[in-house]
Amino acid sequence: MSNEMAKIDPAVRERFGELVVRARSLEAREVDELQRLFARYPDLWRAVDMARTAASTMIQKEGDGMAVSASLDANYEGKRRDLSRPQDGPLEAMLVEHVALCWLRLQMMEQKYTGATSQSLSLAQGDYWERKLSSAQRRYLRAAETLARVRRLALPVMQVNIADKQVNLAGR
């Protein structure tokens, strides 16, 4: 928990959690209460992991049974852990979340694609599934490349002068 979140009264955090869990079915007065909480505690937004929420929704919607859902969830969390580094800043942390989410979407699309193309398809249906899979692949690759680019830019550049030769080194 961040320092900002630790400063917020536990009862407020608990009430906030209750409202967030029921977010889709809140009454107008509860929406007003939620807005007041955000206004009074500007760092309260940190309590909601939107990428995690999106992944959970996708897994619930697309997961074929509890075992598959549990496996997808474990894979998503594992990918987040694998890509995260202790020195990551806020931008890198958001990009890690995005890469993991795109990776999850790609894996789910691969399963759908395999299921759909294992049977006879019309040319239009085959083209549809090819475009869906290609789109998921492009999203994932673009997200991974962006994370790599940001991490590369964050590395310090060192200049070494030896006699009359100058060498610029990027990296640790």
N, C-alpha and C. Protein backbone atom coordinates (compact mmCIF):
# COMPACT_ATOMS: atom_id res chain seq x y z
N MET A 1 0.86 -1.18 0.00
CA MET A 1 0.00 0.00 0.00
C MET A 1 0.90 1.23 0.00
N SER A 2 0.55 2.20 -0.83
CA SER A 2 1.35 3.43 -0.91
C SER A 2 1.18 4.27 0.35
N ASN A 3 2.10 5.21 0.54
CA ASN A 3 2.03 6.10 1.71
C ASN A 3 0.74 6.90 1.71
N GLU A 4 0.32 7.35 0.51
CA GLU A 4 -0.91 8.14 0.41
C GLU A 4 -2.12 7.33 0.84
N MET A 5 -2.16 6.06 0.42
CA MET A 5 -3.29 5.20 0.79
C MET A 5 -3.28 4.88 2.28
N ALA A 6 -2.10 4.75 2.87
CA ALA A 6 -2.00 4.43 4.29
C ALA A 6 -2.57 5.55 5.16
N LYS A 7 -2.57 6.77 4.64
CA LYS A 7 -3.08 7.92 5.39
C LYS A 7 -4.60 7.96 5.43
N ILE A 8 -5.25 7.22 4.56
CA ILE A 8 -6.71 7.25 4.48
C ILE A 8 -7.30 6.31 5.53
N ASP A 9 -8.28 6.79 6.24
CA ASP A 9 -8.95 6.04 7.31
C ASP A 9 -9.41 4.67 6.77
N PRO A 10 -9.11 3.59 7.51
CA PRO A 10 -9.51 2.25 7.06
C PRO A 10 -11.02 2.12 6.81
N ALA A 11 -11.84 2.82 7.58
CA ALA A 11 -13.29 2.76 7.38
C ALA A 11 -13.66 3.37 6.02
N VAL A 12 -12.96 4.44 5.64
CA VAL A 12 -13.20 5.08 4.34
C VAL A 12 -12.79 4.13 3.23
N ARG A 13 -11.62 3.48 3.39
CA ARG A 13 -11.16 2.52 2.37
C ARG A 13 -12.14 1.36 2.24
N GLU A 14 -12.67 0.92 3.37
CA GLU A 14 -13.62 -0.19 3.34
C GLU A 14 -14.91 0.21 2.61
N ARG A 15 -15.44 1.39 2.95
CA ARG A 15 -16.66 1.87 2.29
C ARG A 15 -16.42 2.05 0.79
N PHE A 16 -15.26 2.58 0.46
CA PHE A 16 -14.89 2.76 -0.95
C PHE A 16 -14.88 1.40 -1.66
N GLY A 17 -14.30 0.40 -1.02
CA GLY A 17 -14.26 -0.94 -1.59
C GLY A 17 -15.65 -1.50 -1.83
N GLU A 18 -16.55 -1.28 -0.88
CA GLU A 18 -17.94 -1.74 -1.03
C GLU A 18 -18.59 -1.10 -2.26
N LEU A 19 -18.38 0.19 -2.41
CA LEU A 19 -18.98 0.91 -3.54
C LEU A 19 -18.39 0.45 -4.87
N VAL A 20 -17.09 0.23 -4.89
CA VAL A 20 -16.44 -0.19 -6.13
C VAL A 20 -16.92 -1.57 -6.56
N VAL A 21 -17.06 -2.48 -5.59
CA VAL A 21 -17.51 -3.84 -5.91
C VAL A 21 -18.89 -3.80 -6.57
N ARG A 22 -19.74 -2.89 -6.14
CA ARG A 22 -21.10 -2.78 -6.69
C ARG A 22 -21.21 -1.68 -7.73
N ALA A 23 -20.10 -1.27 -8.31
CA ALA A 23 -20.05 -0.09 -9.18
C ALA A 23 -21.12 -0.07 -10.26
N ARG A 24 -21.44 -1.20 -10.83
CA ARG A 24 -22.41 -1.23 -11.93
C ARG A 24 -23.86 -1.10 -11.48
N SER A 25 -24.08 -1.25 -10.18
CA SER A 25 -25.47 -1.22 -9.70
C SER A 25 -25.67 -0.19 -8.59
N LEU A 26 -24.88 0.87 -8.59
CA LEU A 26 -25.02 1.88 -7.55
C LEU A 26 -26.23 2.77 -7.80
N GLU A 27 -26.84 3.20 -6.71
CA GLU A 27 -27.92 4.18 -6.79
C GLU A 27 -27.28 5.57 -6.93
N ALA A 28 -28.07 6.54 -7.33
CA ALA A 28 -27.56 7.90 -7.56
C ALA A 28 -26.88 8.47 -6.32
N ARG A 29 -27.45 8.25 -5.15
CA ARG A 29 -26.85 8.80 -3.92
C ARG A 29 -25.50 8.14 -3.64
N GLU A 30 -25.35 6.88 -4.00
CA GLU A 30 -24.09 6.19 -3.79
C GLU A 30 -23.02 6.67 -4.79
N VAL A 31 -23.44 6.98 -6.00
CA VAL A 31 -22.52 7.56 -6.98
C VAL A 31 -22.03 8.90 -6.46
N ASP A 32 -22.94 9.70 -5.92
CA ASP A 32 -22.55 10.99 -5.32
C ASP A 32 -21.56 10.78 -4.18
N GLU A 33 -21.83 9.77 -3.34
CA GLU A 33 -20.93 9.48 -2.23
C GLU A 33 -19.54 9.09 -2.76
N LEU A 34 -19.51 8.29 -3.79
CA LEU A 34 -18.24 7.87 -4.39
C LEU A 34 -17.48 9.08 -4.94
N GLN A 35 -18.19 9.98 -5.61
CA GLN A 35 -17.55 11.20 -6.13
C GLN A 35 -17.02 12.08 -5.00
N ARG A 36 -17.76 12.16 -3.90
CA ARG A 36 -17.29 12.94 -2.75
C ARG A 36 -16.03 12.32 -2.14
N LEU A 37 -15.99 10.98 -2.10
CA LEU A 37 -14.80 10.30 -1.57
C LEU A 37 -13.58 10.60 -2.45
N PHE A 38 -13.76 10.56 -3.75
CA PHE A 38 -12.65 10.87 -4.66
C PHE A 38 -12.21 12.33 -4.49
N ALA A 39 -13.17 13.23 -4.30
CA ALA A 39 -12.83 14.65 -4.14
C ALA A 39 -12.08 14.87 -2.82
N ARG A 40 -12.51 14.20 -1.77
CA ARG A 40 -11.89 14.41 -0.46
C ARG A 40 -10.54 13.71 -0.34
N TYR A 41 -10.41 12.54 -0.98
CA TYR A 41 -9.18 11.76 -0.93
C TYR A 41 -8.66 11.55 -2.35
N PRO A 42 -7.89 12.50 -2.86
CA PRO A 42 -7.44 12.44 -4.26
C PRO A 42 -6.64 11.19 -4.61
N ASP A 43 -6.00 10.55 -3.63
CA ASP A 43 -5.21 9.35 -3.93
C ASP A 43 -6.01 8.06 -3.83
N LEU A 44 -7.30 8.16 -3.60
CA LEU A 44 -8.14 6.98 -3.46
C LEU A 44 -8.21 6.17 -4.75
N TRP A 45 -8.01 6.82 -5.87
CA TRP A 45 -8.04 6.10 -7.16
C TRP A 45 -7.00 4.99 -7.20
N ARG A 46 -5.94 5.10 -6.41
CA ARG A 46 -4.89 4.08 -6.40
C ARG A 46 -5.40 2.74 -5.86
N ALA A 47 -6.52 2.76 -5.17
CA ALA A 47 -7.06 1.53 -4.59
C ALA A 47 -7.74 0.65 -5.64
N VAL A 48 -7.98 1.18 -6.82
CA VAL A 48 -8.66 0.42 -7.86
C VAL A 48 -7.65 0.09 -8.96
N ASP A 49 -7.40 -1.18 -9.15
CA ASP A 49 -6.49 -1.64 -10.19
C ASP A 49 -7.33 -1.90 -11.45
N MET A 50 -7.38 -0.90 -12.31
CA MET A 50 -8.25 -0.97 -13.49
C MET A 50 -7.81 -2.06 -14.47
N ALA A 51 -6.51 -2.27 -14.63
CA ALA A 51 -6.03 -3.33 -15.52
C ALA A 51 -6.45 -4.69 -14.98
N ARG A 52 -6.36 -4.86 -13.66
CA ARG A 52 -6.76 -6.10 -13.03
C ARG A 52 -8.26 -6.33 -13.21
N THR A 53 -9.01 -5.24 -13.08
CA THR A 53 -10.46 -5.32 -13.26
C THR A 53 -10.80 -5.74 -14.69
N ALA A 54 -10.10 -5.15 -15.66
CA ALA A 54 -10.34 -5.50 -17.07
C ALA A 54 -9.98 -6.96 -17.32
N ALA A 55 -8.86 -7.41 -16.77
CA ALA A 55 -8.46 -8.81 -16.96
C ALA A 55 -9.48 -9.75 -16.33
N SER A 56 -9.94 -9.43 -15.12
CA SER A 56 -10.92 -10.29 -14.45
C SER A 56 -12.22 -10.36 -15.24
N THR A 57 -12.65 -9.23 -15.78
CA THR A 57 -13.88 -9.20 -16.58
C THR A 57 -13.70 -10.05 -17.83
N MET A 58 -12.57 -9.90 -18.49
CA MET A 58 -12.31 -10.67 -19.71
C MET A 58 -12.27 -12.16 -19.40
N ILE A 59 -11.62 -12.53 -18.31
CA ILE A 59 -11.52 -13.94 -17.93
C ILE A 59 -12.89 -14.51 -17.58
N GLN A 60 -13.69 -13.76 -16.82
CA GLN A 60 -15.03 -14.23 -16.47
C GLN A 60 -15.89 -14.41 -17.71
N LYS A 61 -15.78 -13.47 -18.64
CA LYS A 61 -16.60 -13.51 -19.85
C LYS A 61 -16.16 -14.62 -20.80
N GLU A 62 -14.86 -14.78 -20.94
CA GLU A 62 -14.34 -15.69 -21.96
C GLU A 62 -13.89 -17.03 -21.43
N GLY A 63 -13.59 -17.09 -20.13
CA GLY A 63 -13.07 -18.34 -19.56
C GLY A 63 -14.09 -19.46 -19.69
N ASP A 64 -13.64 -20.60 -20.16
CA ASP A 64 -14.53 -21.73 -20.38
C ASP A 64 -14.45 -22.67 -19.18
N GLY A 65 -15.14 -22.32 -18.11
CA GLY A 65 -15.12 -23.14 -16.91
C GLY A 65 -14.15 -22.60 -15.88
N MET A 66 -14.30 -23.07 -14.65
CA MET A 66 -13.50 -22.55 -13.54
C MET A 66 -12.03 -22.90 -13.69
N ALA A 67 -11.70 -24.09 -14.19
CA ALA A 67 -10.30 -24.50 -14.32
C ALA A 67 -9.59 -23.62 -15.35
N VAL A 68 -10.23 -23.36 -16.46
CA VAL A 68 -9.63 -22.51 -17.49
C VAL A 68 -9.50 -21.09 -16.97
N SER A 69 -10.53 -20.59 -16.28
CA SER A 69 -10.47 -19.24 -15.72
C SER A 69 -9.34 -19.12 -14.71
N ALA A 70 -9.18 -20.12 -13.85
CA ALA A 70 -8.10 -20.10 -12.86
C ALA A 70 -6.74 -20.10 -13.56
N SER A 71 -6.61 -20.88 -14.62
CA SER A 71 -5.36 -20.93 -15.37
C SER A 71 -5.06 -19.60 -16.05
N LEU A 72 -6.06 -18.99 -16.67
CA LEU A 72 -5.88 -17.69 -17.32
C LEU A 72 -5.49 -16.63 -16.29
N ASP A 73 -6.14 -16.66 -15.15
CA ASP A 73 -5.85 -15.70 -14.09
C ASP A 73 -4.41 -15.87 -13.59
N ALA A 74 -3.99 -17.10 -13.37
CA ALA A 74 -2.62 -17.36 -12.91
C ALA A 74 -1.60 -16.93 -13.97
N ASN A 75 -1.91 -17.17 -15.23
CA ASN A 75 -1.01 -16.76 -16.31
C ASN A 75 -0.89 -15.24 -16.39
N TYR A 76 -2.01 -14.55 -16.24
CA TYR A 76 -2.00 -13.09 -16.27
C TYR A 76 -1.15 -12.54 -15.13
N GLU A 77 -1.38 -13.04 -13.92
CA GLU A 77 -0.61 -12.58 -12.76
C GLU A 77 0.87 -12.92 -12.92
N GLY A 78 1.15 -14.09 -13.45
CA GLY A 78 2.54 -14.49 -13.68
C GLY A 78 3.23 -13.58 -14.68
N LYS A 79 2.53 -13.21 -15.72
CA LYS A 79 3.10 -12.31 -16.73
C LYS A 79 3.36 -10.94 -16.11
N ARG A 80 2.45 -10.46 -15.29
CA ARG A 80 2.67 -9.18 -14.59
C ARG A 80 3.93 -9.24 -13.72
N ARG A 81 4.07 -10.33 -12.98
CA ARG A 81 5.24 -10.48 -12.11
C ARG A 81 6.52 -10.59 -12.92
N ASP A 82 6.49 -11.38 -14.00
CA ASP A 82 7.69 -11.57 -14.83
C ASP A 82 8.18 -10.27 -15.44
N LEU A 83 7.27 -9.42 -15.84
CA LEU A 83 7.65 -8.18 -16.52
C LEU A 83 7.97 -7.04 -15.57
N SER A 84 7.52 -7.12 -14.33
CA SER A 84 7.74 -6.04 -13.36
C SER A 84 9.16 -6.09 -12.82
N ARG A 85 9.69 -4.89 -12.56
CA ARG A 85 11.00 -4.76 -11.93
C ARG A 85 10.87 -3.82 -10.75
N PRO A 86 11.66 -4.02 -9.70
CA PRO A 86 11.55 -3.16 -8.52
C PRO A 86 11.77 -1.68 -8.83
N GLN A 87 12.62 -1.37 -9.80
CA GLN A 87 12.93 0.03 -10.11
C GLN A 87 11.94 0.67 -11.08
N ASP A 88 10.89 -0.04 -11.47
CA ASP A 88 9.91 0.53 -12.40
C ASP A 88 9.24 1.75 -11.82
N GLY A 89 9.12 2.77 -12.65
CA GLY A 89 8.37 3.96 -12.27
C GLY A 89 6.90 3.77 -12.62
N PRO A 90 6.07 4.79 -12.40
CA PRO A 90 4.64 4.67 -12.69
C PRO A 90 4.33 4.37 -14.16
N LEU A 91 5.07 4.99 -15.08
CA LEU A 91 4.82 4.75 -16.50
C LEU A 91 5.15 3.31 -16.86
N GLU A 92 6.28 2.81 -16.40
CA GLU A 92 6.65 1.43 -16.68
C GLU A 92 5.64 0.46 -16.06
N ALA A 93 5.18 0.76 -14.86
CA ALA A 93 4.20 -0.12 -14.20
C ALA A 93 2.90 -0.18 -15.02
N MET A 94 2.47 0.96 -15.55
CA MET A 94 1.26 0.96 -16.39
C MET A 94 1.49 0.17 -17.67
N LEU A 95 2.67 0.31 -18.26
CA LEU A 95 2.97 -0.42 -19.49
C LEU A 95 3.06 -1.92 -19.24
N VAL A 96 3.60 -2.32 -18.09
CA VAL A 96 3.64 -3.73 -17.73
C VAL A 96 2.22 -4.28 -17.66
N GLU A 97 1.34 -3.53 -17.02
CA GLU A 97 -0.08 -3.94 -16.93
C GLU A 97 -0.67 -4.10 -18.33
N HIS A 98 -0.36 -3.15 -19.20
CA HIS A 98 -0.92 -3.17 -20.55
C HIS A 98 -0.37 -4.35 -21.35
N VAL A 99 0.92 -4.62 -21.23
CA VAL A 99 1.52 -5.76 -21.93
C VAL A 99 0.87 -7.05 -21.46
N ALA A 100 0.71 -7.20 -20.14
CA ALA A 100 0.10 -8.42 -19.60
C ALA A 100 -1.34 -8.57 -20.08
N LEU A 101 -2.07 -7.49 -20.14
CA LEU A 101 -3.46 -7.53 -20.60
C LEU A 101 -3.52 -7.89 -22.09
N CYS A 102 -2.65 -7.30 -22.89
CA CYS A 102 -2.60 -7.62 -24.32
C CYS A 102 -2.18 -9.07 -24.53
N TRP A 103 -1.25 -9.54 -23.70
CA TRP A 103 -0.82 -10.93 -23.79
C TRP A 103 -1.99 -11.87 -23.48
N LEU A 104 -2.75 -11.55 -22.44
CA LEU A 104 -3.91 -12.36 -22.08
C LEU A 104 -4.93 -12.37 -23.23
N ARG A 105 -5.19 -11.21 -23.79
CA ARG A 105 -6.13 -11.11 -24.91
C ARG A 105 -5.64 -11.96 -26.09
N LEU A 106 -4.35 -11.92 -26.36
CA LEU A 106 -3.79 -12.71 -27.46
C LEU A 106 -3.95 -14.20 -27.19
N GLN A 107 -3.68 -14.64 -25.98
CA GLN A 107 -3.82 -16.07 -25.65
C GLN A 107 -5.27 -16.53 -25.82
N MET A 108 -6.20 -15.69 -25.38
CA MET A 108 -7.61 -16.04 -25.50
C MET A 108 -8.02 -16.07 -26.98
N MET A 109 -7.50 -15.13 -27.76
CA MET A 109 -7.81 -15.11 -29.19
C MET A 109 -7.20 -16.31 -29.90
N GLU A 110 -6.01 -16.72 -29.48
CA GLU A 110 -5.38 -17.92 -30.06
C GLU A 110 -6.28 -19.14 -29.83
N GLN A 111 -6.85 -19.25 -28.62
CA GLN A 111 -7.74 -20.37 -28.33
C GLN A 111 -8.99 -20.32 -29.21
N LYS A 112 -9.59 -19.15 -29.33
CA LYS A 112 -10.79 -19.00 -30.16
C LYS A 112 -10.48 -19.31 -31.62
N TYR A 113 -9.34 -18.78 -32.08
CA TYR A 113 -8.92 -18.98 -33.47
C TYR A 113 -8.74 -20.46 -33.75
N THR A 114 -8.06 -21.16 -32.84
CA THR A 114 -7.82 -22.59 -33.03
C THR A 114 -9.14 -23.35 -33.06
N GLY A 115 -10.05 -23.00 -32.17
CA GLY A 115 -11.35 -23.66 -32.15
C GLY A 115 -12.15 -23.40 -33.42
N ALA A 116 -12.13 -22.16 -33.88
CA ALA A 116 -12.90 -21.80 -35.06
C ALA A 116 -12.32 -22.40 -36.33
N THR A 117 -11.00 -22.42 -36.44
CA THR A 117 -10.38 -22.90 -37.68
C THR A 117 -10.18 -24.41 -37.70
N SER A 118 -10.55 -25.09 -36.62
CA SER A 118 -10.44 -26.55 -36.62
C SER A 118 -11.62 -27.19 -37.36
N GLN A 119 -12.57 -26.37 -37.76
CA GLN A 119 -13.71 -26.86 -38.54
C GLN A 119 -13.76 -26.12 -39.87
N SER A 120 -14.63 -26.55 -40.70
CA SER A 120 -14.75 -25.95 -42.03
C SER A 120 -15.35 -24.55 -41.91
N LEU A 121 -14.69 -23.58 -42.58
CA LEU A 121 -15.13 -22.19 -42.53
C LEU A 121 -15.31 -21.65 -43.95
N SER A 122 -16.19 -20.67 -44.06
CA SER A 122 -16.28 -19.97 -45.33
C SER A 122 -15.07 -19.06 -45.45
N LEU A 123 -14.84 -18.54 -46.62
CA LEU A 123 -13.72 -17.63 -46.83
C LEU A 123 -13.87 -16.38 -45.96
N ALA A 124 -15.08 -15.87 -45.85
CA ALA A 124 -15.34 -14.68 -45.03
C ALA A 124 -15.09 -14.96 -43.55
N GLN A 125 -15.51 -16.13 -43.07
CA GLN A 125 -15.28 -16.49 -41.68
C GLN A 125 -13.78 -16.66 -41.40
N GLY A 126 -13.07 -17.30 -42.31
CA GLY A 126 -11.63 -17.47 -42.16
C GLY A 126 -10.92 -16.13 -42.11
N ASP A 127 -11.34 -15.23 -43.00
CA ASP A 127 -10.75 -13.88 -43.02
C ASP A 127 -11.05 -13.14 -41.72
N TYR A 128 -12.24 -13.28 -41.19
CA TYR A 128 -12.63 -12.65 -39.93
C TYR A 128 -11.69 -13.10 -38.81
N TRP A 129 -11.50 -14.42 -38.67
CA TRP A 129 -10.67 -14.93 -37.59
C TRP A 129 -9.20 -14.55 -37.78
N GLU A 130 -8.74 -14.50 -39.02
CA GLU A 130 -7.35 -14.08 -39.29
C GLU A 130 -7.15 -12.62 -38.86
N ARG A 131 -8.13 -11.77 -39.18
CA ARG A 131 -8.01 -10.35 -38.81
C ARG A 131 -8.07 -10.16 -37.30
N LYS A 132 -8.94 -10.91 -36.62
CA LYS A 132 -9.03 -10.82 -35.16
C LYS A 132 -7.71 -11.24 -34.51
N LEU A 133 -7.13 -12.34 -34.97
CA LEU A 133 -5.88 -12.81 -34.41
C LEU A 133 -4.75 -11.84 -34.72
N SER A 134 -4.68 -11.36 -35.94
CA SER A 134 -3.62 -10.42 -36.32
C SER A 134 -3.71 -9.13 -35.51
N SER A 135 -4.92 -8.68 -35.26
CA SER A 135 -5.11 -7.47 -34.46
C SER A 135 -4.61 -7.68 -33.03
N ALA A 136 -4.93 -8.81 -32.43
CA ALA A 136 -4.46 -9.11 -31.07
C ALA A 136 -2.94 -9.22 -31.04
N GLN A 137 -2.35 -9.81 -32.07
CA GLN A 137 -0.89 -9.92 -32.14
C GLN A 137 -0.24 -8.54 -32.25
N ARG A 138 -0.81 -7.69 -33.10
CA ARG A 138 -0.25 -6.33 -33.26
C ARG A 138 -0.33 -5.55 -31.95
N ARG A 139 -1.45 -5.63 -31.27
CA ARG A 139 -1.59 -4.93 -29.99
C ARG A 139 -0.53 -5.38 -28.99
N TYR A 140 -0.37 -6.69 -28.90
CA TYR A 140 0.61 -7.23 -27.96
C TYR A 140 2.03 -6.78 -28.32
N LEU A 141 2.40 -6.92 -29.57
CA LEU A 141 3.75 -6.54 -29.99
C LEU A 141 3.99 -5.04 -29.80
N ARG A 142 3.00 -4.23 -30.11
CA ARG A 142 3.14 -2.77 -29.93
C ARG A 142 3.31 -2.43 -28.46
N ALA A 143 2.55 -3.09 -27.58
CA ALA A 143 2.66 -2.85 -26.14
C ALA A 143 4.04 -3.27 -25.63
N ALA A 144 4.51 -4.44 -26.07
CA ALA A 144 5.82 -4.93 -25.63
C ALA A 144 6.94 -4.02 -26.14
N GLU A 145 6.85 -3.58 -27.38
CA GLU A 145 7.86 -2.68 -27.94
C GLU A 145 7.86 -1.34 -27.20
N THR A 146 6.70 -0.85 -26.84
CA THR A 146 6.63 0.42 -26.11
C THR A 146 7.28 0.29 -24.75
N LEU A 147 7.01 -0.80 -24.04
CA LEU A 147 7.64 -1.03 -22.74
C LEU A 147 9.16 -1.10 -22.90
N ALA A 148 9.63 -1.83 -23.90
CA ALA A 148 11.07 -1.94 -24.12
C ALA A 148 11.68 -0.58 -24.45
N ARG A 149 10.99 0.20 -25.25
CA ARG A 149 11.49 1.53 -25.64
C ARG A 149 11.59 2.45 -24.42
N VAL A 150 10.57 2.45 -23.58
CA VAL A 150 10.57 3.30 -22.39
C VAL A 150 11.69 2.86 -21.45
N ARG A 151 11.87 1.57 -21.29
CA ARG A 151 12.94 1.10 -20.41
C ARG A 151 14.32 1.45 -20.97
N ARG A 152 14.46 1.37 -22.27
CA ARG A 152 15.73 1.71 -22.89
C ARG A 152 16.03 3.20 -22.72
N LEU A 153 15.01 4.03 -22.85
CA LEU A 153 15.20 5.48 -22.69
C LEU A 153 15.54 5.85 -21.26
N ALA A 154 15.11 5.04 -20.31
CA ALA A 154 15.34 5.35 -18.90
C ALA A 154 16.77 5.02 -18.45
N LEU A 155 17.51 4.29 -19.29
CA LEU A 155 18.87 3.94 -18.91
C LEU A 155 19.78 5.14 -19.01
N PRO A 156 20.71 5.27 -18.07
CA PRO A 156 21.63 6.40 -18.13
C PRO A 156 22.64 6.22 -19.27
N VAL A 157 23.03 7.31 -19.87
CA VAL A 157 24.04 7.28 -20.91
C VAL A 157 25.34 7.77 -20.29
N MET A 158 26.42 7.03 -20.54
CA MET A 158 27.70 7.37 -19.97
C MET A 158 28.67 7.71 -21.10
N GLN A 159 29.43 8.77 -20.92
CA GLN A 159 30.41 9.15 -21.92
C GLN A 159 31.79 8.88 -21.35
N VAL A 160 32.61 8.14 -22.11
CA VAL A 160 33.96 7.80 -21.68
C VAL A 160 34.93 8.39 -22.68
N ASN A 161 35.89 9.18 -22.20
CA ASN A 161 36.94 9.75 -23.06
C ASN A 161 38.25 9.07 -22.74
N ILE A 162 38.79 8.37 -23.73
CA ILE A 162 40.08 7.72 -23.58
C ILE A 162 40.99 8.28 -24.67
N ALA A 163 41.99 9.01 -24.25
CA ALA A 163 42.91 9.68 -25.18
C ALA A 163 42.11 10.53 -26.15
N ASP A 164 42.22 10.25 -27.44
CA ASP A 164 41.52 11.09 -28.42
C ASP A 164 40.24 10.43 -28.93
N LYS A 165 39.82 9.33 -28.29
CA LYS A 165 38.60 8.63 -28.72
C LYS A 165 37.50 8.85 -27.70
N GLN A 166 36.30 9.11 -28.19
CA GLN A 166 35.15 9.29 -27.32
C GLN A 166 34.21 8.12 -27.56
N VAL A 167 33.76 7.48 -26.49
CA VAL A 167 32.85 6.36 -26.59
C VAL A 167 31.62 6.68 -25.74
N ASN A 168 30.44 6.57 -26.33
CA ASN A 168 29.19 6.76 -25.59
C ASN A 168 28.61 5.37 -25.32
N LEU A 169 28.33 5.11 -24.07
CA LEU A 169 27.78 3.82 -23.67
C LEU A 169 26.39 4.04 -23.10
N ALA A 170 25.45 3.22 -23.53
CA ALA A 170 24.11 3.24 -22.95
C ALA A 170 23.95 1.97 -22.14
N GLY A 171 23.41 2.06 -21.00
CA GLY A 171 23.19 0.88 -20.17
C GLY A 171 23.76 1.08 -18.79
N ARG A 172 23.82 0.00 -18.07
CA ARG A 172 24.27 0.07 -16.69
C ARG A 172 25.76 0.07 -16.59
